[in-house]
């Protein structure tokens, strides 16, 4: 199972040549070429899909992914055919509600193509453990707070606002149980970088690996939150050096469980 850096996953509408060109130069861990919510219905056309292959060939600093439209829409088969021809590393499937959704996509992409499943509905969260166990190249579960909030009737109007502790905890537990990564969804208030950082820290506190971003200015703050600081790494290394038995480090009791926590933190460090 591939494990890719996914601290920041920048979603860019495939209908915008200007945004696609700029996105290829940005330091997001993952670039998501979006055919779904970022593209108006009138632009869900072959002309838009034709932009995928040049964007994939142009490369990016990190992984290149394509998000297709949901499997209950009239566009997804054409989207998936275009994505398969373009050859991204990953295909993102929105509004996944069963393991069959993952299997259906996996059967129509080239071998070795990774899959990310977005959990964006009440049904998807109810089925998240079964989805996580689907296999078929599934690499990550991605929370979609906007559609999920609408699905359960949360009265907020900004994507990313609301209380998602239960959903995030359940998604990350399901992901870890089956060797997957877990990624938080976007925070849509682009100018509110403090709110973005707070949202990213909540996701990190639940154990998620990263967060989707919707604007270049959001990349650096999110990367920073999901990258251990030099001080954190130094303390983790002191804990590891102390061995797995019970003892004191910096005046705090540590034991084998603390040793595992330190190993997990060090594993988050880039490179």
Protein backbone atom coordinates (compact mmCIF):
# COMPACT_ATOMS: atom_id res chain seq x y z
CA UNK A 1 0.00 0.00 0.00
CA UNK A 2 1.44 3.35 -1.09
CA UNK A 3 1.94 5.99 1.59
CA UNK A 4 2.31 9.42 0.04
CA UNK A 5 2.82 12.79 1.73
CA UNK A 6 -0.65 14.31 2.06
CA UNK A 7 -0.15 17.21 4.46
CA UNK A 8 -1.69 19.64 1.96
CA UNK A 9 -3.89 18.56 -0.94
CA UNK A 10 -4.68 21.49 -3.25
CA UNK A 11 -7.87 21.13 -5.28
CA UNK A 12 -7.96 23.04 -8.58
CA UNK A 13 -10.87 23.22 -11.08
CA UNK A 14 -9.93 21.40 -14.26
CA UNK A 15 -12.04 23.97 -16.13
CA UNK A 16 -9.49 26.75 -15.43
CA UNK A 17 -6.32 26.66 -17.58
CA UNK A 18 -4.86 29.57 -15.62
CA UNK A 19 -5.29 27.86 -12.26
CA UNK A 20 -3.96 24.56 -13.61
CA UNK A 21 -0.82 26.21 -14.91
CA UNK A 22 -0.10 27.96 -11.62
CA UNK A 23 -0.94 24.93 -9.47
CA UNK A 24 1.80 22.83 -11.05
CA UNK A 25 4.40 25.14 -9.46
CA UNK A 26 2.98 25.18 -5.92
CA UNK A 27 4.41 23.21 -2.96
CA UNK A 28 1.30 21.21 -2.07
CA UNK A 29 1.96 17.56 -1.32
CA UNK A 30 -0.91 16.60 -3.63
CA UNK A 31 -2.54 18.43 -6.54
CA UNK A 32 -6.16 17.39 -7.11
CA UNK A 33 -7.41 18.19 -10.63
CA UNK A 34 -11.10 18.61 -9.91
CA UNK A 35 -13.93 17.64 -12.23
CA UNK A 36 -16.58 17.62 -9.48
CA UNK A 37 -17.76 20.48 -7.24
CA UNK A 38 -15.19 22.96 -8.52
CA UNK A 39 -16.64 22.74 -12.05
CA UNK A 40 -20.04 24.15 -12.98
CA UNK A 41 -22.47 21.70 -14.64
CA UNK A 42 -22.23 23.53 -17.98
CA UNK A 43 -18.44 23.05 -17.91
CA UNK A 44 -18.50 19.30 -17.25
CA UNK A 45 -17.54 18.71 -20.86
CA UNK A 46 -15.01 16.87 -22.98
CA UNK A 47 -13.17 20.18 -23.37
CA UNK A 48 -12.61 20.32 -19.61
CA UNK A 49 -11.66 16.63 -19.44
CA UNK A 50 -9.13 17.19 -22.23
CA UNK A 51 -7.16 19.46 -19.88
CA UNK A 52 -6.36 16.57 -17.57
CA UNK A 53 -3.67 14.92 -19.67
CA UNK A 54 -1.58 18.10 -20.22
CA UNK A 55 -1.91 18.96 -16.53
CA UNK A 56 -0.73 15.48 -15.50
CA UNK A 57 2.16 15.63 -18.00
CA UNK A 58 3.15 19.07 -16.71
CA UNK A 59 3.81 17.43 -13.38
CA UNK A 60 3.69 19.07 -9.99
CA UNK A 61 5.79 19.33 -6.88
CA UNK A 62 3.86 16.44 -5.33
CA UNK A 63 1.40 13.73 -6.30
CA UNK A 64 -1.13 14.48 -9.06
CA UNK A 65 -4.68 13.21 -8.55
CA UNK A 66 -7.96 13.58 -10.47
CA UNK A 67 -11.32 13.88 -8.73
CA UNK A 68 -14.16 12.54 -10.84
CA UNK A 69 -17.85 13.24 -10.37
CA UNK A 70 -19.81 10.95 -8.08
CA UNK A 71 -20.95 7.52 -9.22
CA UNK A 72 -24.58 8.60 -9.05
CA UNK A 73 -24.13 11.36 -11.64
CA UNK A 74 -24.27 11.21 -15.45
CA UNK A 75 -20.64 12.38 -15.81
CA UNK A 76 -18.56 9.91 -13.87
CA UNK A 77 -17.87 7.32 -16.59
CA UNK A 78 -16.59 9.95 -19.04
CA UNK A 79 -14.58 11.52 -16.22
CA UNK A 80 -13.01 8.20 -15.28
CA UNK A 81 -12.18 7.33 -18.89
CA UNK A 82 -10.43 10.70 -19.27
CA UNK A 83 -8.61 10.24 -15.97
CA UNK A 84 -7.48 6.74 -16.93
CA UNK A 85 -6.12 8.08 -20.22
CA UNK A 86 -4.34 10.98 -18.48
CA UNK A 87 -2.58 8.64 -16.04
CA UNK A 88 -2.58 10.43 -12.68
CA UNK A 89 -1.13 8.66 -9.67
CA UNK A 90 -4.47 8.75 -7.87
CA UNK A 91 -8.20 8.98 -8.62
CA UNK A 92 -10.40 10.64 -6.00
CA UNK A 93 -13.96 9.31 -5.75
CA UNK A 94 -16.49 11.61 -4.06
CA UNK A 95 -19.47 10.58 -1.95
CA UNK A 96 -18.41 6.96 -1.56
CA UNK A 97 -21.07 4.97 0.26
CA UNK A 98 -20.05 1.33 -0.13
CA UNK A 99 -17.07 -0.92 -0.93
CA UNK A 100 -18.74 -1.56 -4.29
CA UNK A 101 -18.13 2.08 -5.23
CA UNK A 102 -14.39 1.57 -4.75
CA UNK A 103 -14.41 -1.71 -6.67
CA UNK A 104 -16.31 -0.16 -9.58
CA UNK A 105 -13.72 2.57 -10.02
CA UNK A 106 -10.78 0.20 -9.54
CA UNK A 107 -12.04 -1.98 -12.38
CA UNK A 108 -11.87 0.93 -14.82
CA UNK A 109 -8.45 2.46 -14.11
CA UNK A 110 -4.96 1.19 -15.01
CA UNK A 111 -3.31 -1.20 -12.54
CA UNK A 112 -1.32 0.66 -9.92
CA UNK A 113 -3.60 3.69 -9.83
CA UNK A 114 -4.30 4.72 -6.26
CA UNK A 115 -7.78 5.57 -5.03
CA UNK A 116 -8.98 8.02 -2.41
CA UNK A 117 -12.53 7.66 -1.10
CA UNK A 118 -14.31 10.76 0.10
CA UNK A 119 -16.65 10.26 3.06
CA UNK A 120 -19.25 12.98 2.55
CA UNK A 121 -22.65 11.61 3.53
CA UNK A 122 -24.35 10.06 6.52
CA UNK A 123 -24.49 6.74 4.65
CA UNK A 124 -20.79 6.95 3.84
CA UNK A 125 -19.89 7.43 7.49
CA UNK A 126 -22.14 4.55 8.55
CA UNK A 127 -20.30 2.33 6.04
CA UNK A 128 -16.81 3.76 6.57
CA UNK A 129 -15.29 0.63 8.13
CA UNK A 130 -16.48 -1.54 5.23
CA UNK A 131 -15.24 1.07 2.74
CA UNK A 132 -11.83 1.16 4.42
CA UNK A 133 -11.58 -2.61 4.06
CA UNK A 134 -12.38 -2.52 0.33
CA UNK A 135 -8.81 -2.88 -0.96
CA UNK A 136 -8.55 -2.37 -4.76
CA UNK A 137 -5.71 0.16 -4.41
CA UNK A 138 -7.50 2.31 -1.84
CA UNK A 139 -4.92 4.56 -0.21
CA UNK A 140 -6.80 7.15 1.82
CA UNK A 141 -10.12 8.26 3.26
CA UNK A 142 -10.93 11.95 2.85
CA UNK A 143 -13.54 13.76 4.92
CA UNK A 144 -15.85 16.12 3.01
CA UNK A 145 -17.27 18.58 5.58
CA UNK A 146 -19.46 20.59 3.20
CA UNK A 147 -21.49 17.76 1.74
CA UNK A 148 -21.42 15.88 5.02
CA UNK A 149 -22.79 18.87 6.89
CA UNK A 150 -25.58 19.20 4.33
CA UNK A 151 -26.25 15.46 4.58
CA UNK A 152 -26.91 15.60 8.32
CA UNK A 153 -28.44 19.08 8.43
CA UNK A 154 -25.73 21.10 10.21
CA UNK A 155 -26.80 24.79 10.06
CA UNK A 156 -23.53 26.34 8.80
CA UNK A 157 -22.83 28.12 5.53
CA UNK A 158 -19.01 27.96 5.43
CA UNK A 159 -17.38 24.68 4.38
CA UNK A 160 -15.18 23.48 7.21
CA UNK A 161 -17.12 25.14 10.01
CA UNK A 162 -19.14 22.95 12.35
CA UNK A 163 -18.31 20.24 14.88
CA UNK A 164 -16.81 17.15 13.23
CA UNK A 165 -15.13 15.35 16.12
CA UNK A 166 -17.21 12.18 15.77
CA UNK A 167 -16.81 11.97 12.00
CA UNK A 168 -13.06 12.64 12.07
CA UNK A 169 -12.48 10.13 14.85
CA UNK A 170 -14.46 7.41 13.11
CA UNK A 171 -12.78 8.03 9.76
CA UNK A 172 -9.24 7.95 11.16
CA UNK A 173 -9.91 4.80 13.20
CA UNK A 174 -11.31 3.05 10.12
CA UNK A 175 -8.36 4.20 8.05
CA UNK A 176 -5.74 3.03 10.53
CA UNK A 177 -7.46 -0.32 11.05
CA UNK A 178 -6.88 -1.09 7.37
CA UNK A 179 -3.54 0.62 6.76
CA UNK A 180 -4.88 3.75 5.05
CA UNK A 181 -4.18 7.44 5.40
CA UNK A 182 -6.84 9.87 6.58
CA UNK A 183 -7.21 13.44 5.30
CA UNK A 184 -9.42 16.29 6.49
CA UNK A 185 -11.49 18.37 4.09
CA UNK A 186 -11.07 22.06 3.25
CA UNK A 187 -11.70 25.24 5.21
CA UNK A 188 -13.35 27.62 2.78
CA UNK A 189 -12.77 30.96 4.55
CA UNK A 190 -9.69 31.76 2.47
CA UNK A 191 -8.63 34.93 4.30
CA UNK A 192 -9.11 33.43 7.77
CA UNK A 193 -5.71 31.79 8.18
CA UNK A 194 -6.09 31.60 11.96
CA UNK A 195 -9.33 29.67 11.50
CA UNK A 196 -7.57 27.45 8.97
CA UNK A 197 -4.76 26.69 11.41
CA UNK A 198 -7.25 25.90 14.17
CA UNK A 199 -9.12 23.56 11.83
CA UNK A 200 -5.87 21.85 10.81
CA UNK A 201 -4.79 21.47 14.43
CA UNK A 202 -8.09 19.79 15.29
CA UNK A 203 -7.54 17.34 12.46
CA UNK A 204 -3.96 16.68 13.60
CA UNK A 205 -5.17 16.13 17.16
CA UNK A 206 -7.42 13.37 15.83
CA UNK A 207 -4.45 11.76 14.08
CA UNK A 208 -5.19 12.73 10.47
CA UNK A 209 -2.34 13.01 7.98
CA UNK A 210 -3.28 16.26 6.27
CA UNK A 211 -5.96 18.54 4.92
CA UNK A 212 -7.41 19.68 1.62
CA UNK A 213 -6.79 23.32 0.69
CA UNK A 214 -8.58 25.50 -1.84
CA UNK A 215 -6.17 28.42 -2.27
CA UNK A 216 -2.37 28.73 -2.62
CA UNK A 217 -2.19 30.89 0.52
CA UNK A 218 -3.47 27.95 2.57
CA UNK A 219 -0.67 25.56 1.61
CA UNK A 220 2.11 26.86 3.87
CA UNK A 221 0.01 27.12 7.07
CA UNK A 222 -1.36 23.60 6.59
CA UNK A 223 2.07 22.14 5.79
CA UNK A 224 3.40 23.80 8.94
CA UNK A 225 0.69 22.34 11.18
CA UNK A 226 1.19 18.81 9.86
CA UNK A 227 5.01 18.95 10.04
CA UNK A 228 6.57 18.21 13.45
CA UNK A 229 8.59 21.12 14.81
CA UNK A 230 12.28 20.82 15.57
CA UNK A 231 11.46 20.92 19.29
CA UNK A 232 8.89 18.11 18.96
CA UNK A 233 11.32 15.96 17.00
CA UNK A 234 14.10 16.53 19.52
CA UNK A 235 11.85 15.51 22.42
CA UNK A 236 10.64 12.46 20.50
CA UNK A 237 14.24 11.41 19.93
CA UNK A 238 15.02 11.80 23.64
CA UNK A 239 12.07 9.54 24.41
CA UNK A 240 13.28 6.96 21.90
CA UNK A 241 16.78 7.12 23.33
CA UNK A 242 15.40 6.41 26.79
CA UNK A 243 14.29 2.94 25.74
CA UNK A 244 10.92 1.22 26.08
CA UNK A 245 10.84 0.70 29.85
CA UNK A 246 9.20 3.07 32.30
CA UNK A 247 11.23 6.14 33.19
CA UNK A 248 11.31 9.93 33.23
CA UNK A 249 12.02 12.28 30.31
CA UNK A 250 11.74 16.04 30.91
CA UNK A 251 10.00 15.32 34.20
CA UNK A 252 7.28 13.21 32.58
CA UNK A 253 6.69 9.49 32.96
CA UNK A 254 7.33 7.59 29.73
CA UNK A 255 6.94 3.93 28.90
CA UNK A 256 6.52 1.63 25.91
CA UNK A 257 3.31 3.39 24.82
CA UNK A 258 5.13 6.75 24.90
CA UNK A 259 7.86 5.16 22.79
CA UNK A 260 5.23 4.27 20.17
CA UNK A 261 3.86 7.82 20.25
CA UNK A 262 7.38 9.15 19.64
CA UNK A 263 7.87 6.76 16.72
CA UNK A 264 4.60 7.95 15.18
CA UNK A 265 5.60 11.60 15.49
CA UNK A 266 9.03 11.02 13.95
CA UNK A 267 7.34 9.16 11.05
CA UNK A 268 5.49 12.38 10.19
CA UNK A 269 8.71 14.27 9.52
CA UNK A 270 9.31 14.97 5.79
CA UNK A 271 11.93 12.89 4.03
